[in-house]
Amino acid sequence: MEGFLNLRLPDWQRRLLTRAIALIPAVATVLWIGERATAHLLVLSQVVLSLQLPFAVIPLVYFCGRRGWMRDLQSPAWLQLTGWTCAAVIVALNGSLLWRLASGI
């Protein structure tokens, strides 16, 4: 991100900034709602991460399987099949999660 944002920071400032961005919402939630919120916050964060996972896995499997882009480093067919199978399982589980959430099960 440093090159993309054209942001030049010393290592210690970058670490401080990224940790603050990650920790401030969590600490604020715990202070505002209390310690009982930590378990719900952890579950919610894992649900959000699981819903975002296909947006990383599917392009990764797709791009790594393209001979035009990867040339000699293209992943073998068995690995592509494994990757697409894992991506399908992730999408199916997320679909199940969303279906259960929408239907109130």
PDB file of N, CA and C in Angstrom:
ATOM      1  N   MET A   1       0.812  -1.203   0.000  1.00  0.00           N
ATOM      2  CA  MET A   1       0.000   0.000   0.000  1.00  0.00           C
ATOM      3  C   MET A   1       0.851   1.262   0.000  1.00  0.00           C
ATOM      4  N   GLU A   2       2.077   1.139   0.497  1.00  0.00           N
ATOM      5  CA  GLU A   2       2.926   2.323   0.588  1.00  0.00           C
ATOM      6  C   GLU A   2       3.150   2.947  -0.788  1.00  0.00           C
ATOM      7  N   GLY A   3       3.458   2.123  -1.775  1.00  0.00           N
ATOM      8  CA  GLY A   3       3.684   2.637  -3.120  1.00  0.00           C
ATOM      9  C   GLY A   3       2.401   3.112  -3.774  1.00  0.00           C
ATOM     10  N   PHE A   4       1.310   2.430  -3.508  1.00  0.00           N
ATOM     11  CA  PHE A   4       0.026   2.800  -4.099  1.00  0.00           C
ATOM     12  C   PHE A   4      -0.448   4.154  -3.580  1.00  0.00           C
ATOM     13  N   LEU A   5      -0.278   4.387  -2.297  1.00  0.00           N
ATOM     14  CA  LEU A   5      -0.721   5.643  -1.686  1.00  0.00           C
ATOM     15  C   LEU A   5       0.341   6.737  -1.764  1.00  0.00           C
ATOM     16  N   ASN A   6       1.543   6.356  -2.226  1.00  0.00           N
ATOM     17  CA  ASN A   6       2.670   7.290  -2.261  1.00  0.00           C
ATOM     18  C   ASN A   6       2.890   7.886  -0.872  1.00  0.00           C
ATOM     19  N   LEU A   7       2.886   7.006   0.113  1.00  0.00           N
ATOM     20  CA  LEU A   7       3.015   7.384   1.506  1.00  0.00           C
ATOM     21  C   LEU A   7       4.326   6.828   2.033  1.00  0.00           C
ATOM     22  N   ARG A   8       5.219   7.692   2.425  1.00  0.00           N
ATOM     23  CA  ARG A   8       6.523   7.266   2.927  1.00  0.00           C
ATOM     24  C   ARG A   8       6.591   7.545   4.423  1.00  0.00           C
ATOM     25  N   LEU A   9       6.609   6.477   5.204  1.00  0.00           N
ATOM     26  CA  LEU A   9       6.686   6.588   6.656  1.00  0.00           C
ATOM     27  C   LEU A   9       7.817   5.707   7.155  1.00  0.00           C
ATOM     28  N   PRO A  10       8.468   6.118   8.229  1.00  0.00           N
ATOM     29  CA  PRO A  10       9.422   5.203   8.863  1.00  0.00           C
ATOM     30  C   PRO A  10       8.684   3.953   9.363  1.00  0.00           C
ATOM     31  N   ASP A  11       9.420   2.866   9.476  1.00  0.00           N
ATOM     32  CA  ASP A  11       8.803   1.591   9.864  1.00  0.00           C
ATOM     33  C   ASP A  11       8.010   1.693  11.157  1.00  0.00           C
ATOM     34  N   TRP A  12       8.559   2.355  12.170  1.00  0.00           N
ATOM     35  CA  TRP A  12       7.871   2.413  13.462  1.00  0.00           C
ATOM     36  C   TRP A  12       6.568   3.193  13.358  1.00  0.00           C
ATOM     37  N   GLN A  13       6.519   4.242  12.513  1.00  0.00           N
ATOM     38  CA  GLN A  13       5.282   5.011  12.349  1.00  0.00           C
ATOM     39  C   GLN A  13       4.233   4.201  11.576  1.00  0.00           C
ATOM     40  N   ARG A  14       4.688   3.465  10.568  1.00  0.00           N
ATOM     41  CA  ARG A  14       3.760   2.636   9.804  1.00  0.00           C
ATOM     42  C   ARG A  14       3.159   1.554  10.694  1.00  0.00           C
ATOM     43  N   ARG A  15       3.984   0.907  11.512  1.00  0.00           N
ATOM     44  CA  ARG A  15       3.479  -0.116  12.428  1.00  0.00           C
ATOM     45  C   ARG A  15       2.502   0.474  13.440  1.00  0.00           C
ATOM     46  N   LEU A  16       2.836   1.628  13.977  1.00  0.00           N
ATOM     47  CA  LEU A  16       1.953   2.289  14.934  1.00  0.00           C
ATOM     48  C   LEU A  16       0.615   2.638  14.283  1.00  0.00           C
ATOM     49  N   LEU A  17       0.648   3.157  13.071  1.00  0.00           N
ATOM     50  CA  LEU A  17      -0.570   3.536  12.361  1.00  0.00           C
ATOM     51  C   LEU A  17      -1.434   2.311  12.060  1.00  0.00           C
ATOM     52  N   THR A  18      -0.834   1.250  11.532  1.00  0.00           N
ATOM     53  CA  THR A  18      -1.633   0.077  11.175  1.00  0.00           C
ATOM     54  C   THR A  18      -2.202  -0.617  12.402  1.00  0.00           C
ATOM     55  N   ARG A  19      -1.444  -0.676  13.482  1.00  0.00           N
ATOM     56  CA  ARG A  19      -1.972  -1.292  14.706  1.00  0.00           C
ATOM     57  C   ARG A  19      -3.068  -0.442  15.323  1.00  0.00           C
ATOM     58  N   ALA A  20      -2.915   0.870  15.249  1.00  0.00           N
ATOM     59  CA  ALA A  20      -3.954   1.747  15.779  1.00  0.00           C
ATOM     60  C   ALA A  20      -5.250   1.596  14.985  1.00  0.00           C
ATOM     61  N   ILE A  21      -5.128   1.503  13.665  1.00  0.00           N
ATOM     62  CA  ILE A  21      -6.315   1.326  12.827  1.00  0.00           C
ATOM     63  C   ILE A  21      -7.011   0.008  13.165  1.00  0.00           C
ATOM     64  N   ALA A  22      -6.231  -1.011  13.480  1.00  0.00           N
ATOM     65  CA  ALA A  22      -6.811  -2.308  13.805  1.00  0.00           C
ATOM     66  C   ALA A  22      -7.372  -2.359  15.224  1.00  0.00           C
ATOM     67  N   LEU A  23      -6.715  -1.704  16.169  1.00  0.00           N
ATOM     68  CA  LEU A  23      -7.095  -1.845  17.569  1.00  0.00           C
ATOM     69  C   LEU A  23      -8.124  -0.839  18.068  1.00  0.00           C
ATOM     70  N   ILE A  24      -8.116   0.352  17.538  1.00  0.00           N
ATOM     71  CA  ILE A  24      -9.006   1.397  18.053  1.00  0.00           C
ATOM     72  C   ILE A  24     -10.482   0.990  17.989  1.00  0.00           C
ATOM     73  N   PRO A  25     -10.996   0.441  16.867  1.00  0.00           N
ATOM     74  CA  PRO A  25     -12.409   0.032  16.872  1.00  0.00           C
ATOM     75  C   PRO A  25     -12.710  -1.064  17.892  1.00  0.00           C
ATOM     76  N   ALA A  26     -11.800  -2.012  18.054  1.00  0.00           N
ATOM     77  CA  ALA A  26     -12.028  -3.093  19.013  1.00  0.00           C
ATOM     78  C   ALA A  26     -12.034  -2.569  20.438  1.00  0.00           C
ATOM     79  N   VAL A  27     -11.079  -1.730  20.773  1.00  0.00           N
ATOM     80  CA  VAL A  27     -11.019  -1.169  22.130  1.00  0.00           C
ATOM     81  C   VAL A  27     -12.234  -0.278  22.393  1.00  0.00           C
ATOM     82  N   ALA A  28     -12.617   0.508  21.403  1.00  0.00           N
ATOM     83  CA  ALA A  28     -13.788   1.375  21.563  1.00  0.00           C
ATOM     84  C   ALA A  28     -15.052   0.550  21.813  1.00  0.00           C
ATOM     85  N   THR A  29     -15.186  -0.565  21.101  1.00  0.00           N
ATOM     86  CA  THR A  29     -16.358  -1.424  21.294  1.00  0.00           C
ATOM     87  C   THR A  29     -16.368  -2.027  22.687  1.00  0.00           C
ATOM     88  N   VAL A  30     -15.215  -2.504  23.133  1.00  0.00           N
ATOM     89  CA  VAL A  30     -15.141  -3.099  24.473  1.00  0.00           C
ATOM     90  C   VAL A  30     -15.438  -2.049  25.537  1.00  0.00           C
ATOM     91  N   LEU A  31     -14.909  -0.842  25.376  1.00  0.00           N
ATOM     92  CA  LEU A  31     -15.170   0.220  26.349  1.00  0.00           C
ATOM     93  C   LEU A  31     -16.627   0.664  26.323  1.00  0.00           C
ATOM     94  N   TRP A  32     -17.222   0.682  25.149  1.00  0.00           N
ATOM     95  CA  TRP A  32     -18.584   1.175  25.014  1.00  0.00           C
ATOM     96  C   TRP A  32     -19.606   0.127  25.477  1.00  0.00           C
ATOM     97  N   ILE A  33     -19.436  -1.125  25.020  1.00  0.00           N
ATOM     98  CA  ILE A  33     -20.422  -2.159  25.321  1.00  0.00           C
ATOM     99  C   ILE A  33     -20.025  -2.984  26.543  1.00  0.00           C
ATOM    100  N   GLY A  34     -18.740  -3.169  26.741  1.00  0.00           N
ATOM    101  CA  GLY A  34     -18.273  -3.958  27.880  1.00  0.00           C
ATOM    102  C   GLY A  34     -17.588  -5.234  27.428  1.00  0.00           C
ATOM    103  N   GLU A  35     -17.087  -5.964  28.395  1.00  0.00           N
ATOM    104  CA  GLU A  35     -16.338  -7.179  28.080  1.00  0.00           C
ATOM    105  C   GLU A  35     -17.205  -8.266  27.466  1.00  0.00           C
ATOM    106  N   ARG A  36     -18.492  -8.239  27.746  1.00  0.00           N
ATOM    107  CA  ARG A  36     -19.372  -9.265  27.187  1.00  0.00           C
ATOM    108  C   ARG A  36     -19.434  -9.173  25.661  1.00  0.00           C
ATOM    109  N   ALA A  37     -19.026  -8.056  25.104  1.00  0.00           N
ATOM    110  CA  ALA A  37     -19.083  -7.865  23.655  1.00  0.00           C
ATOM    111  C   ALA A  37     -17.908  -8.498  22.923  1.00  0.00           C
ATOM    112  N   THR A  38     -16.870  -8.872  23.636  1.00  0.00           N
ATOM    113  CA  THR A  38     -15.682  -9.370  22.940  1.00  0.00           C
ATOM    114  C   THR A  38     -15.963 -10.658  22.181  1.00  0.00           C
ATOM    115  N   ALA A  39     -16.696 -11.576  22.757  1.00  0.00           N
ATOM    116  CA  ALA A  39     -16.996 -12.832  22.059  1.00  0.00           C
ATOM    117  C   ALA A  39     -17.825 -12.560  20.811  1.00  0.00           C
ATOM    118  N   HIS A  40     -18.828 -11.698  20.919  1.00  0.00           N
ATOM    119  CA  HIS A  40     -19.661 -11.364  19.760  1.00  0.00           C
ATOM    120  C   HIS A  40     -18.843 -10.621  18.705  1.00  0.00           C
ATOM    121  N   LEU A  41     -17.944  -9.771  19.139  1.00  0.00           N
ATOM    122  CA  LEU A  41     -17.095  -9.028  18.207  1.00  0.00           C
ATOM    123  C   LEU A  41     -16.167  -9.975  17.453  1.00  0.00           C
ATOM    124  N   LEU A  42     -15.612 -10.957  18.134  1.00  0.00           N
ATOM    125  CA  LEU A  42     -14.741 -11.936  17.478  1.00  0.00           C
ATOM    126  C   LEU A  42     -15.506 -12.773  16.461  1.00  0.00           C
ATOM    127  N   VAL A  43     -16.703 -13.208  16.825  1.00  0.00           N
ATOM    128  CA  VAL A  43     -17.509 -13.995  15.895  1.00  0.00           C
ATOM    129  C   VAL A  43     -17.884 -13.146  14.685  1.00  0.00           C
ATOM    130  N   LEU A  44     -18.299 -11.917  14.922  1.00  0.00           N
ATOM    131  CA  LEU A  44     -18.658 -11.034  13.816  1.00  0.00           C
ATOM    132  C   LEU A  44     -17.472 -10.790  12.892  1.00  0.00           C
ATOM    133  N   SER A  45     -16.298 -10.583  13.457  1.00  0.00           N
ATOM    134  CA  SER A  45     -15.123 -10.344  12.610  1.00  0.00           C
ATOM    135  C   SER A  45     -14.806 -11.570  11.759  1.00  0.00           C
ATOM    136  N   GLN A  46     -14.982 -12.774  12.314  1.00  0.00           N
ATOM    137  CA  GLN A  46     -14.717 -13.985  11.540  1.00  0.00           C
ATOM    138  C   GLN A  46     -15.766 -14.196  10.451  1.00  0.00           C
ATOM    139  N   VAL A  47     -16.999 -13.835  10.717  1.00  0.00           N
ATOM    140  CA  VAL A  47     -18.039 -13.931   9.697  1.00  0.00           C
ATOM    141  C   VAL A  47     -17.742 -12.977   8.554  1.00  0.00           C
ATOM    142  N   VAL A  48     -17.366 -11.751   8.870  1.00  0.00           N
ATOM    143  CA  VAL A  48     -17.037 -10.775   7.829  1.00  0.00           C
ATOM    144  C   VAL A  48     -15.838 -11.251   7.017  1.00  0.00           C
ATOM    145  N   LEU A  49     -14.826 -11.777   7.687  1.00  0.00           N
ATOM    146  CA  LEU A  49     -13.656 -12.292   6.968  1.00  0.00           C
ATOM    147  C   LEU A  49     -14.027 -13.462   6.065  1.00  0.00           C
ATOM    148  N   SER A  50     -14.908 -14.341   6.531  1.00  0.00           N
ATOM    149  CA  SER A  50     -15.297 -15.485   5.701  1.00  0.00           C
ATOM    150  C   SER A  50     -16.074 -15.024   4.469  1.00  0.00           C
ATOM    151  N   LEU A  51     -16.864 -13.966   4.608  1.00  0.00           N
ATOM    152  CA  LEU A  51     -17.600 -13.447   3.460  1.00  0.00           C
ATOM    153  C   LEU A  51     -16.683 -12.754   2.462  1.00  0.00           C
ATOM    154  N   GLN A  52     -15.557 -12.237   2.912  1.00  0.00           N
ATOM    155  CA  GLN A  52     -14.607 -11.573   2.019  1.00  0.00           C
ATOM    156  C   GLN A  52     -13.653 -12.552   1.347  1.00  0.00           C
ATOM    157  N   LEU A  53     -13.506 -13.737   1.904  1.00  0.00           N
ATOM    158  CA  LEU A  53     -12.536 -14.700   1.409  1.00  0.00           C
ATOM    159  C   LEU A  53     -12.707 -15.060  -0.067  1.00  0.00           C
ATOM    160  N   PRO A  54     -13.915 -15.290  -0.573  1.00  0.00           N
ATOM    161  CA  PRO A  54     -14.033 -15.617  -2.000  1.00  0.00           C
ATOM    162  C   PRO A  54     -13.501 -14.514  -2.921  1.00  0.00           C
ATOM    163  N   PHE A  55     -13.560 -13.266  -2.490  1.00  0.00           N
ATOM    164  CA  PHE A  55     -13.064 -12.168  -3.316  1.00  0.00           C
ATOM    165  C   PHE A  55     -11.545 -12.183  -3.448  1.00  0.00           C
ATOM    166  N   ALA A  56     -10.870 -12.919  -2.584  1.00  0.00           N
ATOM    167  CA  ALA A  56      -9.425 -13.089  -2.696  1.00  0.00           C
ATOM    168  C   ALA A  56      -9.068 -14.424  -3.346  1.00  0.00           C
ATOM    169  N   VAL A  57      -9.800 -15.484  -2.998  1.00  0.00           N
ATOM    170  CA  VAL A  57      -9.456 -16.829  -3.464  1.00  0.00           C
ATOM    171  C   VAL A  57      -9.757 -17.011  -4.947  1.00  0.00           C
ATOM    172  N   ILE A  58     -10.920 -16.575  -5.384  1.00  0.00           N
ATOM    173  CA  ILE A  58     -11.312 -16.804  -6.777  1.00  0.00           C
ATOM    174  C   ILE A  58     -10.361 -16.116  -7.758  1.00  0.00           C
ATOM    175  N   PRO A  59     -10.044 -14.824  -7.611  1.00  0.00           N
ATOM    176  CA  PRO A  59      -9.065 -14.231  -8.535  1.00  0.00           C
ATOM    177  C   PRO A  59      -7.681 -14.878  -8.436  1.00  0.00           C
ATOM    178  N   LEU A  60      -7.277 -15.270  -7.230  1.00  0.00           N
ATOM    179  CA  LEU A  60      -5.978 -15.912  -7.059  1.00  0.00           C
ATOM    180  C   LEU A  60      -5.903 -17.212  -7.852  1.00  0.00           C
ATOM    181  N   VAL A  61      -6.909 -18.059  -7.738  1.00  0.00           N
ATOM    182  CA  VAL A  61      -6.922 -19.325  -8.471  1.00  0.00           C
ATOM    183  C   VAL A  61      -6.999 -19.053  -9.973  1.00  0.00           C
ATOM    184  N   TYR A  62      -7.807 -18.091 -10.354  1.00  0.00           N
ATOM    185  CA  TYR A  62      -7.963 -17.755 -11.775  1.00  0.00           C
ATOM    186  C   TYR A  62      -6.655 -17.247 -12.371  1.00  0.00           C
ATOM    187  N   PHE A  63      -6.041 -16.276 -11.728  1.00  0.00           N
ATOM    188  CA  PHE A  63      -4.820 -15.686 -12.272  1.00  0.00           C
ATOM    189  C   PHE A  63      -3.662 -16.679 -12.298  1.00  0.00           C
ATOM    190  N   CYS A  64      -3.558 -17.519 -11.273  1.00  0.00           N
ATOM    191  CA  CYS A  64      -2.463 -18.493 -11.225  1.00  0.00           C
ATOM    192  C   CYS A  64      -2.624 -19.589 -12.270  1.00  0.00           C
ATOM    193  N   GLY A  65      -3.819 -19.765 -12.784  1.00  0.00           N
ATOM    194  CA  GLY A  65      -4.049 -20.774 -13.808  1.00  0.00           C
ATOM    195  C   GLY A  65      -3.915 -20.268 -15.229  1.00  0.00           C
ATOM    196  N   ARG A  66      -3.673 -18.986 -15.392  1.00  0.00           N
ATOM    197  CA  ARG A  66      -3.570 -18.390 -16.726  1.00  0.00           C
ATOM    198  C   ARG A  66      -2.149 -18.487 -17.267  1.00  0.00           C
ATOM    199  N   ARG A  67      -1.962 -19.228 -18.346  1.00  0.00           N
ATOM    200  CA  ARG A  67      -0.640 -19.378 -18.942  1.00  0.00           C
ATOM    201  C   ARG A  67      -0.123 -18.041 -19.478  1.00  0.00           C
ATOM    202  N   GLY A  68      -0.996 -17.217 -20.034  1.00  0.00           N
ATOM    203  CA  GLY A  68      -0.575 -15.932 -20.597  1.00  0.00           C
ATOM    204  C   GLY A  68       0.021 -14.994 -19.563  1.00  0.00           C
ATOM    205  N   TRP A  69      -0.441 -15.073 -18.346  1.00  0.00           N
ATOM    206  CA  TRP A  69       0.060 -14.181 -17.303  1.00  0.00           C
ATOM    207  C   TRP A  69       1.177 -14.812 -16.481  1.00  0.00           C
ATOM    208  N   MET A  70       1.048 -16.109 -16.226  1.00  0.00           N
ATOM    209  CA  MET A  70       1.998 -16.779 -15.338  1.00  0.00           C
ATOM    210  C   MET A  70       3.158 -17.449 -16.082  1.00  0.00           C
ATOM    211  N   ARG A  71       3.002 -17.650 -17.380  1.00  0.00           N
ATOM    212  CA  ARG A  71       4.012 -18.308 -18.208  1.00  0.00           C
ATOM    213  C   ARG A  71       4.451 -19.642 -17.594  1.00  0.00           C
ATOM    214  N   ASP A  72       5.718 -19.796 -17.292  1.00  0.00           N
ATOM    215  CA  ASP A  72       6.231 -21.071 -16.765  1.00  0.00           C
ATOM    216  C   ASP A  72       5.789 -21.345 -15.335  1.00  0.00           C
ATOM    217  N   LEU A  73       5.293 -20.345 -14.656  1.00  0.00           N
ATOM    218  CA  LEU A  73       4.884 -20.510 -13.257  1.00  0.00           C
ATOM    219  C   LEU A  73       3.406 -20.842 -13.101  1.00  0.00           C
ATOM    220  N   GLN A  74       2.748 -21.119 -14.217  1.00  0.00           N
ATOM    221  CA  GLN A  74       1.337 -21.487 -14.154  1.00  0.00           C
ATOM    222  C   GLN A  74       1.162 -22.711 -13.274  1.00  0.00           C
ATOM    223  N   SER A  75       0.147 -22.694 -12.436  1.00  0.00           N
ATOM    224  CA  SER A  75      -0.081 -23.829 -11.539  1.00  0.00           C
ATOM    225  C   SER A  75      -0.549 -25.034 -12.352  1.00  0.00           C
ATOM    226  N   PRO A  76      -0.143 -26.232 -11.935  1.00  0.00           N
ATOM    227  CA  PRO A  76      -0.552 -27.448 -12.659  1.00  0.00           C
ATOM    228  C   PRO A  76      -2.057 -27.685 -12.553  1.00  0.00           C
ATOM    229  N   ALA A  77      -2.563 -28.523 -13.424  1.00  0.00           N
ATOM    230  CA  ALA A  77      -4.011 -28.772 -13.506  1.00  0.00           C
ATOM    231  C   ALA A  77      -4.565 -29.310 -12.188  1.00  0.00           C
ATOM    232  N   TRP A  78      -3.844 -30.207 -11.530  1.00  0.00           N
ATOM    233  CA  TRP A  78      -4.346 -30.779 -10.278  1.00  0.00           C
ATOM    234  C   TRP A  78      -4.480 -29.700  -9.200  1.00  0.00           C
ATOM    235  N   LEU A  79      -3.543 -28.733  -9.204  1.00  0.00           N
ATOM    236  CA  LEU A  79      -3.601 -27.666  -8.217  1.00  0.00           C
ATOM    237  C   LEU A  79      -4.733 -26.683  -8.524  1.00  0.00           C
ATOM    238  N   GLN A  80      -4.955 -26.433  -9.812  1.00  0.00           N
ATOM    239  CA  GLN A  80      -6.080 -25.580 -10.198  1.00  0.00           C
ATOM    240  C   GLN A  80      -7.404 -26.227  -9.799  1.00  0.00           C
ATOM    241  N   LEU A  81      -7.515 -27.536 -10.030  1.00  0.00           N
ATOM    242  CA  LEU A  81      -8.734 -28.251  -9.649  1.00  0.00           C
ATOM    243  C   LEU A  81      -8.945 -28.188  -8.138  1.00  0.00           C
ATOM    244  N   THR A  82      -7.876 -28.369  -7.384  1.00  0.00           N
ATOM    245  CA  THR A  82      -7.960 -28.270  -5.928  1.00  0.00           C
ATOM    246  C   THR A  82      -8.362 -26.864  -5.503  1.00  0.00           C
ATOM    247  N   GLY A  83      -7.768 -25.869  -6.136  1.00  0.00           N
ATOM    248  CA  GLY A  83      -8.098 -24.481  -5.815  1.00  0.00           C
ATOM    249  C   GLY A  83      -9.545 -24.142  -6.123  1.00  0.00           C
ATOM    250  N   TRP A  84     -10.032 -24.571  -7.286  1.00  0.00           N
ATOM    251  CA  TRP A  84     -11.425 -24.300  -7.638  1.00  0.00           C
ATOM    252  C   TRP A  84     -12.386 -25.059  -6.726  1.00  0.00           C
ATOM    253  N   THR A  85     -11.983 -26.265  -6.315  1.00  0.00           N
ATOM    254  CA  THR A  85     -12.818 -27.026  -5.377  1.00  0.00           C
ATOM    255  C   THR A  85     -12.912 -26.300  -4.032  1.00  0.00           C
ATOM    256  N   CYS A  86     -11.771 -25.828  -3.537  1.00  0.00           N
ATOM    257  CA  CYS A  86     -11.769 -25.074  -2.271  1.00  0.00           C
ATOM    258  C   CYS A  86     -12.592 -23.794  -2.404  1.00  0.00           C
ATOM    259  N   ALA A  87     -12.457 -23.103  -3.528  1.00  0.00           N
ATOM    260  CA  ALA A  87     -13.234 -21.880  -3.743  1.00  0.00           C
ATOM    261  C   ALA A  87     -14.729 -22.191  -3.768  1.00  0.00           C
ATOM    262  N   ALA A  88     -15.107 -23.294  -4.416  1.00  0.00           N
ATOM    263  CA  ALA A  88     -16.524 -23.675  -4.471  1.00  0.00           C
ATOM    264  C   ALA A  88     -17.055 -24.018  -3.080  1.00  0.00           C
ATOM    265  N   VAL A  89     -16.255 -24.710  -2.282  1.00  0.00           N
ATOM    266  CA  VAL A  89     -16.676 -25.041  -0.916  1.00  0.00           C
ATOM    267  C   VAL A  89     -16.857 -23.764  -0.094  1.00  0.00           C
ATOM    268  N   ILE A  90     -15.931 -22.830  -0.221  1.00  0.00           N
ATOM    269  CA  ILE A  90     -16.027 -21.565   0.517  1.00  0.00           C
ATOM    270  C   ILE A  90     -17.286 -20.806   0.110  1.00  0.00           C
ATOM    271  N   VAL A  91     -17.542 -20.726  -1.192  1.00  0.00           N
ATOM    272  CA  VAL A  91     -18.741 -20.015  -1.669  1.00  0.00           C
ATOM    273  C   VAL A  91     -20.007 -20.733  -1.202  1.00  0.00           C
ATOM    274  N   ALA A  92     -20.005 -22.058  -1.233  1.00  0.00           N
ATOM    275  CA  ALA A  92     -21.177 -22.813  -0.786  1.00  0.00           C
ATOM    276  C   ALA A  92     -21.432 -22.605   0.709  1.00  0.00           C
ATOM    277  N   LEU A  93     -20.378 -22.638   1.507  1.00  0.00           N
ATOM    278  CA  LEU A  93     -20.548 -22.418   2.946  1.00  0.00           C
ATOM    279  C   LEU A  93     -21.027 -20.997   3.235  1.00  0.00           C
ATOM    280  N   ASN A  94     -20.497 -20.024   2.503  1.00  0.00           N
ATOM    281  CA  ASN A  94     -20.969 -18.645   2.695  1.00  0.00           C
ATOM    282  C   ASN A  94     -22.418 -18.500   2.242  1.00  0.00           C
ATOM    283  N   GLY A  95     -22.780 -19.177   1.159  1.00  0.00           N
ATOM    284  CA  GLY A  95     -24.175 -19.156   0.713  1.00  0.00           C
ATOM    285  C   GLY A  95     -25.094 -19.768   1.760  1.00  0.00           C
ATOM    286  N   SER A  96     -24.647 -20.860   2.351  1.00  0.00           N
ATOM    287  CA  SER A  96     -25.425 -21.496   3.421  1.00  0.00           C
ATOM    288  C   SER A  96     -25.575 -20.561   4.615  1.00  0.00           C
ATOM    289  N   LEU A  97     -24.482 -19.898   4.976  1.00  0.00           N
ATOM    290  CA  LEU A  97     -24.527 -18.944   6.086  1.00  0.00           C
ATOM    291  C   LEU A  97     -25.523 -17.820   5.802  1.00  0.00           C
ATOM    292  N   LEU A  98     -25.457 -17.255   4.609  1.00  0.00           N
ATOM    293  CA  LEU A  98     -26.376 -16.170   4.255  1.00  0.00           C
ATOM    294  C   LEU A  98     -27.822 -16.661   4.193  1.00  0.00           C
ATOM    295  N   TRP A  99     -28.035 -17.879   3.669  1.00  0.00           N
ATOM    296  CA  TRP A  99     -29.390 -18.444   3.596  1.00  0.00           C
ATOM    297  C   TRP A  99     -29.969 -18.643   4.991  1.00  0.00           C
ATOM    298  N   ARG A 100     -29.147 -19.195   5.887  1.00  0.00           N
ATOM    299  CA  ARG A 100     -29.618 -19.404   7.258  1.00  0.00           C
ATOM    300  C   ARG A 100     -29.910 -18.086   7.951  1.00  0.00           C
ATOM    301  N   LEU A 101     -29.076 -17.111   7.694  1.00  0.00           N
ATOM    302  CA  LEU A 101     -29.266 -15.799   8.294  1.00  0.00           C
ATOM    303  C   LEU A 101     -30.547 -15.157   7.791  1.00  0.00           C
ATOM    304  N   ALA A 102     -30.794 -15.268   6.479  1.00  0.00           N
ATOM    305  CA  ALA A 102     -31.976 -14.655   5.889  1.00  0.00           C
ATOM    306  C   ALA A 102     -33.252 -15.382   6.287  1.00  0.00           C
ATOM    307  N   SER A 103     -33.174 -16.696   6.446  1.00  0.00           N
ATOM    308  CA  SER A 103     -34.380 -17.455   6.785  1.00  0.00           C
ATOM    309  C   SER A 103     -34.609 -17.558   8.289  1.00  0.00           C
ATOM    310  N   GLY A 104     -33.663 -17.105   9.075  1.00  0.00           N
ATOM    311  CA  GLY A 104     -33.844 -17.108  10.527  1.00  0.00           C
ATOM    312  C   GLY A 104     -33.640 -18.450  11.195  1.00  0.00           C
ATOM    313  N   ILE A 105     -32.942 -19.350  10.558  1.00  0.00           N
ATOM    314  CA  ILE A 105     -32.695 -20.685  11.141  1.00  0.00           C
ATOM    315  C   ILE A 105     -31.635 -20.588  12.216  1.00  0.00           C
TER     316      ILE A 105
END
